[in-house]
Amino acid sequence: MLIDKRILVIGGAGFVGSNLVEHLAKHNVVISVDNYSTGKRENHVDGVEYRKGHAKNIASIAGDDTFDIVFHLGEYARVESSLFEIEKVLENNLYSIFPVVQYVKDIGAKLVYAGSSTKFGDAGTNRHASPYAWTKSTNTEFIKNYADWYGLNYVIVYFYNVYGSKEINEGSYSTLIAKYAKLCSDGAMSLPVVKPGTQERNFTHIADIVSALDLVAEKGIGDDFGIGAEESYSVLDVVAMFGKAVEWLPERQGNRLTAELKAGKTRALGWHPVGSLKKYIQEKIRLH
């Protein structure tokens, strides 16, 4: 567990970032930088300093502050919408990674970078399927090359379909579980499913993501630290858990069918996920 560290979280007001900040702030000094494109001020945590700004300007935003660890969770993070927002994807992902990496090296910190498990999708072919998948894959390659060229203390993690507290439940940036839960609470009798519906995901609770991030930041070195639950479920399985009918939607470009779970290195550090998607959905149904 990280204790008595100075920590910078880029994207600290977003879904994963705000949960991580809440956890880290119990034992560390935490500063968040967020441009609030998807982050929310209602996600702020008492005792944490929040600065508004873009990751590409991280050095000027941080000023004279120094940190032991920098978590970079602040990139564009949606597959299908990235095909319609390529300029935004490039601005937030591809054009921002060098300033962040350079800043981390200059202050002698450790970088914890959130890659994307989409690059493992469909036997690796999915890494080119969307602007999001491509930029995230390219950034992981850049970090590793930069470390070889100039030296960098880093660890790259990969999330697998995170669900839980503070998810976005409406709009094009909503996550599947939160969107379905919101529709059910609004009285929907059916849930939208992009064909074919057999696409499988390793849905992982946010508490498991946060505990792994803490552990990997402390002990992890290098690439391939996947953070995902062992069980995988198809989208149709999830609809069945909610007890609803299916509303079919046409196939969409970039929507992978499978993704290899690469959590071995994270588990080797002592991490074990405890969240259960079935229990989480049952609790959501009970509350509504």
C-alpha atoms as a PDB file:
ATOM      1  CA  MET A   1       0.000   0.000   0.000  1.00  0.00           C
ATOM      2  CA  LEU A   2       1.207   3.486  -0.860  1.00  0.00           C
ATOM      3  CA  ILE A   3       1.778   5.539   2.292  1.00  0.00           C
ATOM      4  CA  ASP A   4       3.204   9.035   2.809  1.00  0.00           C
ATOM      5  CA  LYS A   5       3.723   9.665  -0.899  1.00  0.00           C
ATOM      6  CA  ARG A   6       3.128  12.760  -2.982  1.00  0.00           C
ATOM      7  CA  ILE A   7       0.867  11.635  -5.799  1.00  0.00           C
ATOM      8  CA  LEU A   8      -0.440  13.344  -8.935  1.00  0.00           C
ATOM      9  CA  VAL A   9      -3.508  11.855 -10.611  1.00  0.00           C
ATOM     10  CA  ILE A  10      -4.211  13.074 -14.135  1.00  0.00           C
ATOM     11  CA  GLY A  11      -7.914  12.489 -14.660  1.00  0.00           C
ATOM     12  CA  GLY A  12      -8.614  12.518 -10.935  1.00  0.00           C
ATOM     13  CA  ALA A  13     -12.196  13.751 -11.271  1.00  0.00           C
ATOM     14  CA  GLY A  14     -13.310  10.974 -13.615  1.00  0.00           C
ATOM     15  CA  PHE A  15     -14.834   7.575 -12.883  1.00  0.00           C
ATOM     16  CA  VAL A  16     -11.701   5.537 -12.153  1.00  0.00           C
ATOM     17  CA  GLY A  17      -9.635   8.556 -11.136  1.00  0.00           C
ATOM     18  CA  SER A  18     -12.018   9.802  -8.459  1.00  0.00           C
ATOM     19  CA  ASN A  19     -12.278   6.371  -6.868  1.00  0.00           C
ATOM     20  CA  LEU A  20      -8.493   6.080  -6.900  1.00  0.00           C
ATOM     21  CA  VAL A  21      -8.063   9.570  -5.416  1.00  0.00           C
ATOM     22  CA  GLU A  22     -10.510   8.776  -2.625  1.00  0.00           C
ATOM     23  CA  HIS A  23      -8.503   5.672  -1.764  1.00  0.00           C
ATOM     24  CA  LEU A  24      -5.060   7.266  -1.981  1.00  0.00           C
ATOM     25  CA  ALA A  25      -5.975  10.407  -0.036  1.00  0.00           C
ATOM     26  CA  LYS A  26      -6.376   8.378   3.158  1.00  0.00           C
ATOM     27  CA  HIS A  27      -2.596   7.924   3.468  1.00  0.00           C
ATOM     28  CA  ASN A  28      -0.969  10.270   0.945  1.00  0.00           C
ATOM     29  CA  VAL A  29      -0.872  13.829  -0.362  1.00  0.00           C
ATOM     30  CA  VAL A  30      -2.867  13.812  -3.601  1.00  0.00           C
ATOM     31  CA  ILE A  31      -3.283  16.458  -6.288  1.00  0.00           C
ATOM     32  CA  SER A  32      -5.660  15.958  -9.222  1.00  0.00           C
ATOM     33  CA  VAL A  33      -5.398  17.497 -12.683  1.00  0.00           C
ATOM     34  CA  ASP A  34      -8.454  17.162 -14.903  1.00  0.00           C
ATOM     35  CA  ASN A  35      -9.825  19.014 -17.933  1.00  0.00           C
ATOM     36  CA  TYR A  36     -13.382  17.975 -16.942  1.00  0.00           C
ATOM     37  CA  SER A  37     -14.345  16.647 -20.349  1.00  0.00           C
ATOM     38  CA  THR A  38     -15.863  13.648 -18.555  1.00  0.00           C
ATOM     39  CA  GLY A  39     -14.715  14.342 -14.997  1.00  0.00           C
ATOM     40  CA  LYS A  40     -17.181  15.896 -12.582  1.00  0.00           C
ATOM     41  CA  ARG A  41     -16.755  18.335  -9.722  1.00  0.00           C
ATOM     42  CA  GLU A  42     -19.219  16.307  -7.683  1.00  0.00           C
ATOM     43  CA  ASN A  43     -16.555  13.580  -7.691  1.00  0.00           C
ATOM     44  CA  HIS A  44     -14.190  15.785  -5.681  1.00  0.00           C
ATOM     45  CA  VAL A  45     -12.823  14.352  -2.443  1.00  0.00           C
ATOM     46  CA  ASP A  46     -12.265  16.425   0.689  1.00  0.00           C
ATOM     47  CA  GLY A  47      -8.614  17.127   1.399  1.00  0.00           C
ATOM     48  CA  VAL A  48      -7.519  16.769  -2.217  1.00  0.00           C
ATOM     49  CA  GLU A  49      -6.319  19.718  -4.307  1.00  0.00           C
ATOM     50  CA  TYR A  50      -7.929  19.977  -7.760  1.00  0.00           C
ATOM     51  CA  ARG A  51      -6.426  21.843 -10.692  1.00  0.00           C
ATOM     52  CA  LYS A  52      -8.193  22.299 -14.009  1.00  0.00           C
ATOM     53  CA  GLY A  53      -6.059  21.818 -17.079  1.00  0.00           C
ATOM     54  CA  HIS A  54      -5.040  19.626 -19.983  1.00  0.00           C
ATOM     55  CA  ALA A  55      -2.465  16.860 -19.710  1.00  0.00           C
ATOM     56  CA  LYS A  56      -0.397  18.390 -22.508  1.00  0.00           C
ATOM     57  CA  ASN A  57       0.262  21.342 -20.178  1.00  0.00           C
ATOM     58  CA  ILE A  58       1.106  19.197 -17.164  1.00  0.00           C
ATOM     59  CA  ALA A  59       4.491  20.789 -16.439  1.00  0.00           C
ATOM     60  CA  SER A  60       3.069  24.304 -16.157  1.00  0.00           C
ATOM     61  CA  ILE A  61       0.030  23.114 -14.205  1.00  0.00           C
ATOM     62  CA  ALA A  62       2.192  21.248 -11.691  1.00  0.00           C
ATOM     63  CA  GLY A  63       4.582  24.181 -11.359  1.00  0.00           C
ATOM     64  CA  ASP A  64       7.268  23.665  -8.750  1.00  0.00           C
ATOM     65  CA  ASP A  65       5.509  20.707  -7.136  1.00  0.00           C
ATOM     66  CA  THR A  66       7.243  17.355  -7.231  1.00  0.00           C
ATOM     67  CA  PHE A  67       5.713  13.915  -6.888  1.00  0.00           C
ATOM     68  CA  ASP A  68       6.746  10.371  -6.157  1.00  0.00           C
ATOM     69  CA  ILE A  69       4.110   8.843  -8.447  1.00  0.00           C
ATOM     70  CA  VAL A  70       2.081  10.155 -11.379  1.00  0.00           C
ATOM     71  CA  PHE A  71      -1.026   8.233 -12.437  1.00  0.00           C
ATOM     72  CA  HIS A  72      -2.077   9.059 -16.000  1.00  0.00           C
ATOM     73  CA  LEU A  73      -5.771   8.164 -16.290  1.00  0.00           C
ATOM     74  CA  GLY A  74      -6.810  11.292 -18.167  1.00  0.00           C
ATOM     75  CA  GLU A  75      -7.076  10.180 -21.780  1.00  0.00           C
ATOM     76  CA  TYR A  76     -10.022   9.730 -24.128  1.00  0.00           C
ATOM     77  CA  ALA A  77     -11.560   6.370 -23.286  1.00  0.00           C
ATOM     78  CA  ARG A  78     -14.392   5.293 -25.575  1.00  0.00           C
ATOM     79  CA  VAL A  79     -14.145   2.982 -28.581  1.00  0.00           C
ATOM     80  CA  GLU A  80     -17.166   3.572 -30.781  1.00  0.00           C
ATOM     81  CA  SER A  81     -17.464   7.339 -30.298  1.00  0.00           C
ATOM     82  CA  SER A  82     -13.761   7.747 -31.104  1.00  0.00           C
ATOM     83  CA  LEU A  83     -14.586   7.051 -34.745  1.00  0.00           C
ATOM     84  CA  PHE A  84     -16.637  10.265 -34.788  1.00  0.00           C
ATOM     85  CA  GLU A  85     -14.323  12.351 -32.584  1.00  0.00           C
ATOM     86  CA  ILE A  86     -10.879  11.616 -33.976  1.00  0.00           C
ATOM     87  CA  GLU A  87      -9.549  15.143 -33.402  1.00  0.00           C
ATOM     88  CA  LYS A  88     -10.515  14.939 -29.738  1.00  0.00           C
ATOM     89  CA  VAL A  89      -8.916  11.490 -29.469  1.00  0.00           C
ATOM     90  CA  LEU A  90      -5.651  12.681 -30.981  1.00  0.00           C
ATOM     91  CA  GLU A  91      -5.595  15.798 -28.802  1.00  0.00           C
ATOM     92  CA  ASN A  92      -6.207  13.924 -25.553  1.00  0.00           C
ATOM     93  CA  ASN A  93      -4.203  10.782 -26.276  1.00  0.00           C
ATOM     94  CA  LEU A  94      -1.535  10.964 -28.947  1.00  0.00           C
ATOM     95  CA  TYR A  95      -0.525  14.618 -28.590  1.00  0.00           C
ATOM     96  CA  SER A  96      -0.458  14.597 -24.801  1.00  0.00           C
ATOM     97  CA  ILE A  97       1.623  11.549 -23.990  1.00  0.00           C
ATOM     98  CA  PHE A  98       5.052  13.108 -24.633  1.00  0.00           C
ATOM     99  CA  PRO A  99       4.548  16.103 -22.286  1.00  0.00           C
ATOM    100  CA  VAL A 100       3.419  13.751 -19.528  1.00  0.00           C
ATOM    101  CA  VAL A 101       6.285  11.289 -19.980  1.00  0.00           C
ATOM    102  CA  GLN A 102       8.846  14.076 -20.215  1.00  0.00           C
ATOM    103  CA  TYR A 103       7.506  15.710 -17.055  1.00  0.00           C
ATOM    104  CA  VAL A 104       7.586  12.454 -15.104  1.00  0.00           C
ATOM    105  CA  LYS A 105      11.179  11.821 -16.150  1.00  0.00           C
ATOM    106  CA  ASP A 106      12.247  15.369 -15.319  1.00  0.00           C
ATOM    107  CA  ILE A 107      10.960  15.187 -11.743  1.00  0.00           C
ATOM    108  CA  GLY A 108      12.214  11.632 -11.182  1.00  0.00           C
ATOM    109  CA  ALA A 109       8.756  10.177 -10.475  1.00  0.00           C
ATOM    110  CA  LYS A 110       7.220   6.827 -11.376  1.00  0.00           C
ATOM    111  CA  LEU A 111       4.600   6.802 -14.136  1.00  0.00           C
ATOM    112  CA  VAL A 112       1.547   4.568 -13.852  1.00  0.00           C
ATOM    113  CA  TYR A 113      -0.101   4.670 -17.276  1.00  0.00           C
ATOM    114  CA  ALA A 114      -3.569   3.308 -18.021  1.00  0.00           C
ATOM    115  CA  GLY A 115      -3.316   1.527 -21.347  1.00  0.00           C
ATOM    116  CA  SER A 116      -6.317  -0.167 -22.939  1.00  0.00           C
ATOM    117  CA  SER A 117      -7.175  -3.852 -23.068  1.00  0.00           C
ATOM    118  CA  THR A 118      -8.672  -3.189 -26.521  1.00  0.00           C
ATOM    119  CA  LYS A 119      -5.206  -3.812 -27.951  1.00  0.00           C
ATOM    120  CA  PHE A 120      -5.527  -7.460 -26.903  1.00  0.00           C
ATOM    121  CA  GLY A 121      -8.924  -7.758 -28.596  1.00  0.00           C
ATOM    122  CA  ASP A 122      -9.603 -10.360 -31.271  1.00  0.00           C
ATOM    123  CA  ALA A 123      -6.088 -11.839 -31.127  1.00  0.00           C
ATOM    124  CA  GLY A 124      -4.459  -8.406 -31.275  1.00  0.00           C
ATOM    125  CA  THR A 125      -6.106  -7.241 -34.499  1.00  0.00           C
ATOM    126  CA  ASN A 126      -8.373  -4.841 -32.603  1.00  0.00           C
ATOM    127  CA  ARG A 127      -5.530  -2.454 -31.837  1.00  0.00           C
ATOM    128  CA  HIS A 128      -6.128  -0.864 -35.255  1.00  0.00           C
ATOM    129  CA  ALA A 129      -9.940  -1.018 -35.189  1.00  0.00           C
ATOM    130  CA  SER A 130     -10.597   2.505 -33.895  1.00  0.00           C
ATOM    131  CA  PRO A 131      -8.784   5.782 -33.211  1.00  0.00           C
ATOM    132  CA  TYR A 132      -9.088   5.041 -29.493  1.00  0.00           C
ATOM    133  CA  ALA A 133      -7.549   1.556 -29.699  1.00  0.00           C
ATOM    134  CA  TRP A 134      -4.774   2.729 -32.014  1.00  0.00           C
ATOM    135  CA  THR A 135      -3.753   5.777 -29.980  1.00  0.00           C
ATOM    136  CA  LYS A 136      -3.734   3.822 -26.724  1.00  0.00           C
ATOM    137  CA  SER A 137      -1.633   1.046 -28.276  1.00  0.00           C
ATOM    138  CA  THR A 138       0.727   3.601 -29.808  1.00  0.00           C
ATOM    139  CA  ASN A 139       1.146   5.343 -26.456  1.00  0.00           C
ATOM    140  CA  THR A 140       2.154   2.146 -24.692  1.00  0.00           C
ATOM    141  CA  GLU A 141       4.776   1.527 -27.357  1.00  0.00           C
ATOM    142  CA  PHE A 142       6.036   5.087 -27.022  1.00  0.00           C
ATOM    143  CA  ILE A 143       6.404   4.779 -23.237  1.00  0.00           C
ATOM    144  CA  LYS A 144       8.424   1.589 -23.542  1.00  0.00           C
ATOM    145  CA  ASN A 145      10.635   3.030 -26.272  1.00  0.00           C
ATOM    146  CA  TYR A 146      11.134   6.274 -24.365  1.00  0.00           C
ATOM    147  CA  ALA A 147      12.226   4.278 -21.321  1.00  0.00           C
ATOM    148  CA  ASP A 148      14.805   2.451 -23.459  1.00  0.00           C
ATOM    149  CA  TRP A 149      16.056   5.664 -25.029  1.00  0.00           C
ATOM    150  CA  TYR A 150      16.178   7.980 -22.024  1.00  0.00           C
ATOM    151  CA  GLY A 151      15.337   6.011 -18.886  1.00  0.00           C
ATOM    152  CA  LEU A 152      11.943   6.074 -17.184  1.00  0.00           C
ATOM    153  CA  ASN A 153      10.439   4.390 -14.140  1.00  0.00           C
ATOM    154  CA  TYR A 154       7.061   3.197 -15.376  1.00  0.00           C
ATOM    155  CA  VAL A 155       4.343   0.584 -15.178  1.00  0.00           C
ATOM    156  CA  ILE A 156       1.529   0.110 -17.688  1.00  0.00           C
ATOM    157  CA  VAL A 157      -1.837  -1.249 -16.576  1.00  0.00           C
ATOM    158  CA  TYR A 158      -4.836  -2.434 -18.581  1.00  0.00           C
ATOM    159  CA  PHE A 159      -8.404  -2.185 -17.291  1.00  0.00           C
ATOM    160  CA  TYR A 160     -11.109  -4.628 -18.280  1.00  0.00           C
ATOM    161  CA  ASN A 161     -14.605  -3.088 -18.445  1.00  0.00           C
ATOM    162  CA  VAL A 162     -14.816  -1.333 -15.117  1.00  0.00           C
ATOM    163  CA  TYR A 163     -18.119  -0.946 -13.278  1.00  0.00           C
ATOM    164  CA  GLY A 164     -19.169   0.492  -9.919  1.00  0.00           C
ATOM    165  CA  SER A 165     -19.543   3.768  -8.045  1.00  0.00           C
ATOM    166  CA  LYS A 166     -19.447   7.009 -10.081  1.00  0.00           C
ATOM    167  CA  GLU A 167     -19.884   5.379 -13.507  1.00  0.00           C
ATOM    168  CA  ILE A 168     -21.277   7.526 -16.304  1.00  0.00           C
ATOM    169  CA  ASN A 169     -24.797   6.232 -16.963  1.00  0.00           C
ATOM    170  CA  GLU A 170     -26.018   8.425 -19.841  1.00  0.00           C
ATOM    171  CA  GLY A 171     -24.759   9.638 -23.201  1.00  0.00           C
ATOM    172  CA  SER A 172     -22.077   8.402 -25.575  1.00  0.00           C
ATOM    173  CA  TYR A 173     -19.499   8.025 -22.777  1.00  0.00           C
ATOM    174  CA  SER A 174     -21.690   5.843 -20.576  1.00  0.00           C
ATOM    175  CA  THR A 175     -20.495   2.397 -19.521  1.00  0.00           C
ATOM    176  CA  LEU A 176     -22.582  -0.688 -20.212  1.00  0.00           C
ATOM    177  CA  ILE A 177     -23.468  -1.705 -16.658  1.00  0.00           C
ATOM    178  CA  ALA A 178     -24.310   1.847 -15.563  1.00  0.00           C
ATOM    179  CA  LYS A 179     -26.390   2.448 -18.697  1.00  0.00           C
ATOM    180  CA  TYR A 180     -28.346  -0.760 -18.206  1.00  0.00           C
ATOM    181  CA  ALA A 181     -28.918  -0.038 -14.514  1.00  0.00           C
ATOM    182  CA  LYS A 182     -30.198   3.460 -15.364  1.00  0.00           C
ATOM    183  CA  LEU A 183     -32.552   2.149 -18.043  1.00  0.00           C
ATOM    184  CA  CYS A 184     -33.911  -0.461 -15.648  1.00  0.00           C
ATOM    185  CA  SER A 185     -34.474   2.117 -12.914  1.00  0.00           C
ATOM    186  CA  ASP A 186     -36.362   4.209 -15.498  1.00  0.00           C
ATOM    187  CA  GLY A 187     -38.680   1.288 -16.195  1.00  0.00           C
ATOM    188  CA  ALA A 188     -37.269  -0.080 -19.459  1.00  0.00           C
ATOM    189  CA  MET A 189     -38.581  -3.503 -20.467  1.00  0.00           C
ATOM    190  CA  SER A 190     -35.723  -4.204 -22.885  1.00  0.00           C
ATOM    191  CA  LEU A 191     -32.041  -3.292 -23.115  1.00  0.00           C
ATOM    192  CA  PRO A 192     -30.109  -2.304 -26.274  1.00  0.00           C
ATOM    193  CA  VAL A 193     -27.572  -4.844 -27.523  1.00  0.00           C
ATOM    194  CA  VAL A 194     -25.190  -4.254 -30.412  1.00  0.00           C
ATOM    195  CA  LYS A 195     -25.160  -7.321 -32.636  1.00  0.00           C
ATOM    196  CA  PRO A 196     -24.078 -10.069 -32.353  1.00  0.00           C
ATOM    197  CA  GLY A 197     -24.413  -9.835 -28.542  1.00  0.00           C
ATOM    198  CA  THR A 198     -21.916 -12.636 -28.015  1.00  0.00           C
ATOM    199  CA  GLN A 199     -19.019 -10.212 -27.487  1.00  0.00           C
ATOM    200  CA  GLU A 200     -17.458 -11.124 -24.130  1.00  0.00           C
ATOM    201  CA  ARG A 201     -16.038  -8.866 -21.439  1.00  0.00           C
ATOM    202  CA  ASN A 202     -14.210  -9.399 -18.124  1.00  0.00           C
ATOM    203  CA  PHE A 203     -16.292  -6.959 -16.099  1.00  0.00           C
ATOM    204  CA  THR A 204     -14.232  -5.734 -13.122  1.00  0.00           C
ATOM    205  CA  HIS A 205     -15.444  -3.850 -10.048  1.00  0.00           C
ATOM    206  CA  ILE A 206     -13.921  -0.440  -9.395  1.00  0.00           C
ATOM    207  CA  ALA A 207     -12.756  -1.486  -5.920  1.00  0.00           C
ATOM    208  CA  ASP A 208     -10.652  -4.230  -7.518  1.00  0.00           C
ATOM    209  CA  ILE A 209      -9.244  -1.762 -10.030  1.00  0.00           C
ATOM    210  CA  VAL A 210      -8.244   0.647  -7.254  1.00  0.00           C
ATOM    211  CA  SER A 211      -6.626  -1.995  -5.068  1.00  0.00           C
ATOM    212  CA  ALA A 212      -4.618  -3.248  -8.046  1.00  0.00           C
ATOM    213  CA  LEU A 213      -3.516   0.270  -9.002  1.00  0.00           C
ATOM    214  CA  ASP A 214      -2.226   0.856  -5.487  1.00  0.00           C
ATOM    215  CA  LEU A 215      -0.307  -2.425  -5.502  1.00  0.00           C
ATOM    216  CA  VAL A 216       1.091  -2.078  -9.019  1.00  0.00           C
ATOM    217  CA  ALA A 217       2.177   1.515  -8.374  1.00  0.00           C
ATOM    218  CA  GLU A 218       4.154   0.289  -5.380  1.00  0.00           C
ATOM    219  CA  LYS A 219       5.633  -2.917  -6.760  1.00  0.00           C
ATOM    220  CA  GLY A 220       5.092  -3.183 -10.503  1.00  0.00           C
ATOM    221  CA  ILE A 221       7.747  -2.559 -13.145  1.00  0.00           C
ATOM    222  CA  GLY A 222       7.204  -2.469 -16.916  1.00  0.00           C
ATOM    223  CA  ASP A 223       4.336  -3.512 -19.145  1.00  0.00           C
ATOM    224  CA  ASP A 224       1.423  -5.978 -19.223  1.00  0.00           C
ATOM    225  CA  PHE A 225      -0.190  -5.517 -15.813  1.00  0.00           C
ATOM    226  CA  GLY A 226      -3.766  -6.389 -16.690  1.00  0.00           C
ATOM    227  CA  ILE A 227      -6.479  -5.722 -14.121  1.00  0.00           C
ATOM    228  CA  GLY A 228      -9.500  -7.875 -14.848  1.00  0.00           C
ATOM    229  CA  ALA A 229     -11.868 -10.369 -13.264  1.00  0.00           C
ATOM    230  CA  GLU A 230     -11.404 -14.000 -14.239  1.00  0.00           C
ATOM    231  CA  GLU A 231     -15.040 -14.512 -15.230  1.00  0.00           C
ATOM    232  CA  SER A 232     -16.141 -13.254 -18.625  1.00  0.00           C
ATOM    233  CA  TYR A 233     -19.732 -12.633 -19.698  1.00  0.00           C
ATOM    234  CA  SER A 234     -21.321 -11.843 -23.030  1.00  0.00           C
ATOM    235  CA  VAL A 235     -23.525  -8.788 -23.403  1.00  0.00           C
ATOM    236  CA  LEU A 236     -26.477 -11.154 -23.729  1.00  0.00           C
ATOM    237  CA  ASP A 237     -25.479 -12.719 -20.406  1.00  0.00           C
ATOM    238  CA  VAL A 238     -25.600  -9.274 -18.805  1.00  0.00           C
ATOM    239  CA  VAL A 239     -29.049  -8.548 -20.209  1.00  0.00           C
ATOM    240  CA  ALA A 240     -30.232 -11.855 -18.757  1.00  0.00           C
ATOM    241  CA  MET A 241     -28.811 -10.883 -15.344  1.00  0.00           C
ATOM    242  CA  PHE A 242     -30.996  -7.783 -15.438  1.00  0.00           C
ATOM    243  CA  GLY A 243     -33.960  -9.948 -16.440  1.00  0.00           C
ATOM    244  CA  LYS A 244     -34.856  -7.909 -19.513  1.00  0.00           C
ATOM    245  CA  ALA A 245     -35.626  -8.523 -23.172  1.00  0.00           C
ATOM    246  CA  VAL A 246     -33.203  -7.626 -25.956  1.00  0.00           C
ATOM    247  CA  GLU A 247     -33.488  -4.580 -28.204  1.00  0.00           C
ATOM    248  CA  TRP A 248     -31.177  -5.330 -31.116  1.00  0.00           C
ATOM    249  CA  LEU A 249     -28.898  -2.657 -32.565  1.00  0.00           C
ATOM    250  CA  PRO A 250     -26.827  -3.037 -35.763  1.00  0.00           C
ATOM    251  CA  GLU A 251     -23.167  -4.046 -35.585  1.00  0.00           C
ATOM    252  CA  ARG A 252     -20.713  -1.209 -34.989  1.00  0.00           C
ATOM    253  CA  GLN A 253     -17.208  -0.675 -36.244  1.00  0.00           C
ATOM    254  CA  GLY A 254     -14.483  -1.210 -33.654  1.00  0.00           C
ATOM    255  CA  ASN A 255     -16.599  -3.380 -31.355  1.00  0.00           C
ATOM    256  CA  ARG A 256     -14.337  -6.334 -30.474  1.00  0.00           C
ATOM    257  CA  LEU A 257     -15.701  -9.820 -29.792  1.00  0.00           C
ATOM    258  CA  THR A 258     -13.081 -10.980 -27.270  1.00  0.00           C
ATOM    259  CA  ALA A 259      -9.999  -9.725 -25.470  1.00  0.00           C
ATOM    260  CA  GLU A 260      -7.283 -11.842 -23.892  1.00  0.00           C
ATOM    261  CA  LEU A 261      -7.138 -11.440 -20.111  1.00  0.00           C
ATOM    262  CA  LYS A 262      -3.545 -10.672 -19.143  1.00  0.00           C
ATOM    263  CA  ALA A 263      -3.714 -10.395 -15.362  1.00  0.00           C
ATOM    264  CA  GLY A 264      -0.951 -12.849 -14.493  1.00  0.00           C
ATOM    265  CA  LYS A 265       1.681 -10.260 -13.590  1.00  0.00           C
ATOM    266  CA  THR A 266      -0.771  -8.356 -11.383  1.00  0.00           C
ATOM    267  CA  ARG A 267      -1.837 -11.526  -9.615  1.00  0.00           C
ATOM    268  CA  ALA A 268       1.807 -12.448  -9.060  1.00  0.00           C
ATOM    269  CA  LEU A 269       2.119  -9.318  -6.906  1.00  0.00           C
ATOM    270  CA  GLY A 270      -0.610 -10.675  -4.636  1.00  0.00           C
ATOM    271  CA  TRP A 271      -3.726  -9.090  -6.148  1.00  0.00           C
ATOM    272  CA  HIS A 272      -6.999 -11.016  -6.227  1.00  0.00           C
ATOM    273  CA  PRO A 273     -10.289  -9.506  -7.445  1.00  0.00           C
ATOM    274  CA  VAL A 274     -13.264  -9.972  -5.132  1.00  0.00           C
ATOM    275  CA  GLY A 275     -16.092  -8.184  -6.943  1.00  0.00           C
ATOM    276  CA  SER A 276     -18.972 -10.169  -8.435  1.00  0.00           C
ATOM    277  CA  LEU A 277     -20.922  -8.754 -11.382  1.00  0.00           C
ATOM    278  CA  LYS A 278     -23.888 -11.007 -10.658  1.00  0.00           C
ATOM    279  CA  LYS A 279     -24.127  -9.841  -7.056  1.00  0.00           C
ATOM    280  CA  TYR A 280     -23.699  -6.211  -8.091  1.00  0.00           C
ATOM    281  CA  ILE A 281     -26.551  -6.426 -10.611  1.00  0.00           C
ATOM    282  CA  GLN A 282     -28.757  -8.284  -8.126  1.00  0.00           C
ATOM    283  CA  GLU A 283     -28.221  -5.454  -5.643  1.00  0.00           C
ATOM    284  CA  LYS A 284     -29.058  -2.874  -8.310  1.00  0.00           C
ATOM    285  CA  ILE A 285     -32.284  -4.721  -9.119  1.00  0.00           C
ATOM    286  CA  ARG A 286     -33.169  -4.995  -5.419  1.00  0.00           C
ATOM    287  CA  LEU A 287     -32.700  -1.249  -4.897  1.00  0.00           C
ATOM    288  CA  HIS A 288     -34.994  -0.398  -7.808  1.00  0.00           C
END
